[in-house]
């Protein structure tokens, strides 16, 4: 069993998509509901995964619009 917290596993999976170019700058990332359904996690876990991506500087959330991949320099 992986000792990495579940929210971090989800964040790592989405970060991998960004690194591989599956999610490109300005693309929206999946919604919290989509993350819940895809990974089979609770809403809080999905929310924490998105926060982790924000903390890593990979995404930005724009109120009433969504969460998007940031331009990387």
Protein backbone atom coordinates (compact mmCIF):
# COMPACT_ATOMS: atom_id res chain seq x y z
CA UNK A 1 0.00 0.00 0.00
CA UNK A 2 1.28 3.46 -0.95
CA UNK A 3 2.06 5.57 2.16
CA UNK A 4 1.59 8.80 0.15
CA UNK A 5 -1.60 10.63 1.22
CA UNK A 6 -4.47 10.11 -1.21
CA UNK A 7 -4.82 13.81 -2.06
CA UNK A 8 -1.13 13.87 -2.99
CA UNK A 9 -1.49 10.78 -5.19
CA UNK A 10 -4.33 12.50 -7.06
CA UNK A 11 -2.34 15.73 -7.35
CA UNK A 12 0.66 13.77 -8.65
CA UNK A 13 -1.50 12.09 -11.29
CA UNK A 14 -2.82 15.43 -12.55
CA UNK A 15 0.66 17.00 -12.34
CA UNK A 16 1.89 14.14 -14.53
CA UNK A 17 -0.68 15.06 -17.17
CA UNK A 18 0.58 18.63 -17.10
CA UNK A 19 4.22 17.52 -17.38
CA UNK A 20 3.42 15.19 -20.30
CA UNK A 21 1.55 17.98 -22.11
CA UNK A 22 -1.84 16.26 -21.88
CA UNK A 23 -2.99 19.39 -20.05
CA UNK A 24 -1.44 22.49 -21.61
CA UNK A 25 -1.13 26.06 -20.34
CA UNK A 26 -4.54 27.74 -20.01
CA UNK A 27 -6.35 24.37 -20.23
CA UNK A 28 -8.88 23.77 -17.47
CA UNK A 29 -8.10 20.89 -15.14
CA UNK A 30 -10.92 18.47 -14.29
CA UNK A 31 -13.54 19.80 -11.89
CA UNK A 32 -13.62 18.58 -8.30
CA UNK A 33 -16.64 16.45 -9.20
CA UNK A 34 -14.78 14.91 -12.15
CA UNK A 35 -11.78 14.22 -9.93
CA UNK A 36 -14.05 12.57 -7.36
CA UNK A 37 -15.56 10.32 -10.00
CA UNK A 38 -12.35 9.49 -11.85
CA UNK A 39 -10.26 8.68 -8.77
CA UNK A 40 -13.06 7.45 -6.50
CA UNK A 41 -12.24 9.94 -3.76
CA UNK A 42 -14.26 12.16 -1.43
CA UNK A 43 -14.94 15.80 -2.22
CA UNK A 44 -12.50 16.96 0.45
CA UNK A 45 -9.75 14.83 -1.06
CA UNK A 46 -10.42 16.26 -4.53
CA UNK A 47 -10.42 19.79 -3.13
CA UNK A 48 -7.16 19.19 -1.27
CA UNK A 49 -5.56 17.77 -4.43
CA UNK A 50 -6.45 20.95 -6.34
CA UNK A 51 -5.05 23.04 -3.47
CA UNK A 52 -1.83 21.00 -3.66
CA UNK A 53 -1.55 21.78 -7.38
CA UNK A 54 -2.07 25.48 -6.59
CA UNK A 55 0.59 25.30 -3.87
CA UNK A 56 3.02 23.77 -6.39
CA UNK A 57 2.33 26.67 -8.78
CA UNK A 58 0.96 24.40 -11.51
CA UNK A 59 -2.57 25.80 -11.62
CA UNK A 60 -4.48 28.94 -10.79
CA UNK A 61 -8.14 29.17 -9.80
CA UNK A 62 -10.22 32.00 -11.20
CA UNK A 63 -13.44 32.48 -9.22
CA UNK A 64 -16.59 31.64 -11.22
CA UNK A 65 -14.45 30.36 -14.12
CA UNK A 66 -12.47 27.32 -12.99
CA UNK A 67 -8.94 26.11 -12.39
CA UNK A 68 -6.43 26.36 -15.20
CA UNK A 69 -2.89 25.23 -15.95
CA UNK A 70 -0.44 28.12 -15.63
CA UNK A 71 2.14 29.16 -18.21
CA UNK A 72 5.52 27.75 -17.21
CA UNK A 73 8.66 29.77 -17.77
